[in-house]
Amino acid sequence: MSLDSKTVAHIATLARIRVPEADLPGLASELSGIMTWIEQLNEVNTKGVEPMSGVAARDLPRRADVVNDGGDPNKVLANAPEPAHGFFTVPKVVE
C-alpha cells in the first residue's frame, strides 16, 4: 500500500499531530514501508493457532487468604512515629 503526502497530512490532522509540509514526503515513505510490512504479516497462515495473552503460560504464586488480627499489637505499632493508647496517631487535617 502506498501513501501519498495528502493522505499523510490527513492522518496527521486526525491524530492532531502538527507535521511540517517539508516532512510529509519522508513520512509518507516511512508509513508506506510500514503498511507493506503489515500486508506481509497478513499472508502468514494462522489457522489452528490459538490466541495467547503472554509468551509463558504460568500461574502466579498465591498465598492463603486468611483473616488475622496482625498478631501482636505491640509489634505492629513498633514502627509508628507516635503511637497512643494502642493506635496510630495522625495529624489533624480537618478544622
Protein backbone atom coordinates (compact mmCIF):
# COMPACT_ATOMS: atom_id res chain seq x y z
CA MET A 1 0.00 0.00 0.00
CA SER A 2 1.41 3.36 -0.99
CA LEU A 3 0.54 6.53 0.89
CA ASP A 4 0.91 9.98 -0.63
CA SER A 5 1.63 13.28 1.15
CA LYS A 6 -2.04 14.32 1.07
CA THR A 7 -3.11 11.13 2.85
CA VAL A 8 -0.35 11.51 5.44
CA ALA A 9 -1.42 15.12 6.07
CA HIS A 10 -4.99 13.90 6.61
CA ILE A 11 -3.82 11.19 9.01
CA ALA A 12 -1.76 13.77 10.92
CA THR A 13 -4.83 16.02 11.16
CA LEU A 14 -6.95 13.17 12.52
CA ALA A 15 -4.24 12.33 15.06
CA ARG A 16 -3.89 16.04 15.91
CA ILE A 17 -0.20 15.99 15.11
CA ARG A 18 1.37 19.04 13.51
CA VAL A 19 3.66 17.90 10.69
CA PRO A 20 5.60 20.49 8.66
CA GLU A 21 4.88 20.40 4.92
CA ALA A 22 8.55 19.61 4.17
CA ASP A 23 8.39 16.43 6.31
CA LEU A 24 5.34 14.92 4.59
CA PRO A 25 7.13 13.12 1.69
CA GLY A 26 9.61 11.38 4.02
CA LEU A 27 6.86 10.44 6.45
CA ALA A 28 4.76 9.12 3.57
CA SER A 29 7.65 6.90 2.50
CA GLU A 30 8.14 5.55 6.04
CA LEU A 31 4.44 4.87 6.57
CA SER A 32 4.20 3.15 3.17
CA GLY A 33 7.04 0.82 4.24
CA ILE A 34 5.23 0.03 7.49
CA MET A 35 1.99 -0.70 5.61
CA THR A 36 3.88 -3.02 3.23
CA TRP A 37 5.28 -4.91 6.23
CA ILE A 38 1.76 -5.21 7.73
CA GLU A 39 0.50 -6.62 4.42
CA GLN A 40 3.25 -9.27 4.60
CA LEU A 41 2.00 -10.25 8.06
CA ASN A 42 -1.48 -10.80 6.64
CA GLU A 43 -0.04 -13.52 4.38
CA VAL A 44 1.01 -15.70 7.34
CA ASN A 45 -1.18 -18.77 7.81
CA THR A 46 -2.53 -18.64 11.38
CA LYS A 47 -5.25 -21.28 11.09
CA GLY A 48 -5.23 -23.54 14.11
CA VAL A 49 -3.10 -21.15 16.17
CA GLU A 50 -4.74 -20.30 19.49
CA PRO A 51 -4.56 -16.67 20.64
CA MET A 52 -2.33 -16.12 23.65
CA SER A 53 -2.14 -13.46 26.31
CA GLY A 54 1.53 -13.97 27.09
CA VAL A 55 4.58 -15.87 25.98
CA ALA A 56 4.91 -18.10 29.05
CA ALA A 57 1.89 -19.96 30.39
CA ARG A 58 2.17 -19.89 34.15
CA ASP A 59 0.15 -19.20 37.26
CA LEU A 60 1.19 -16.62 39.79
CA PRO A 61 2.03 -17.95 43.24
CA ARG A 62 -0.75 -17.28 45.70
CA ARG A 63 -0.91 -17.27 49.44
CA ALA A 64 -3.83 -18.43 51.52
CA ASP A 65 -6.43 -15.73 52.08
CA VAL A 66 -6.59 -15.87 55.86
CA VAL A 67 -8.05 -13.14 58.06
CA ASN A 68 -5.99 -12.43 61.15
CA ASP A 69 -5.55 -9.62 63.64
CA GLY A 70 -1.91 -8.95 62.82
CA GLY A 71 -0.66 -10.94 65.75
CA ASP A 72 0.90 -8.75 68.41
CA PRO A 73 -0.30 -5.10 68.56
CA ASN A 74 2.98 -4.03 70.15
CA LYS A 75 4.92 -5.36 67.16
CA VAL A 76 2.52 -3.67 64.75
CA LEU A 77 2.95 -0.29 66.49
CA ALA A 78 6.72 -0.66 66.95
CA ASN A 79 7.49 1.46 63.86
CA ALA A 80 4.74 4.04 64.41
CA PRO A 81 6.19 7.52 64.99
CA GLU A 82 3.75 8.43 67.79
CA PRO A 83 1.51 5.58 68.94
CA ALA A 84 -1.11 6.46 71.54
CA HIS A 85 -3.27 4.06 73.57
CA GLY A 86 -2.58 1.19 71.15
CA PHE A 87 -3.45 3.17 67.99
CA PHE A 88 -1.63 5.07 65.25
CA THR A 89 -1.84 8.84 65.65
CA VAL A 90 -2.18 11.04 62.58
CA PRO A 91 -2.13 14.81 62.17
CA LYS A 92 -5.44 16.63 62.19
CA VAL A 93 -6.49 17.54 58.64
CA VAL A 94 -10.00 18.91 59.20
CA GLU A 95 -10.62 22.12 61.17
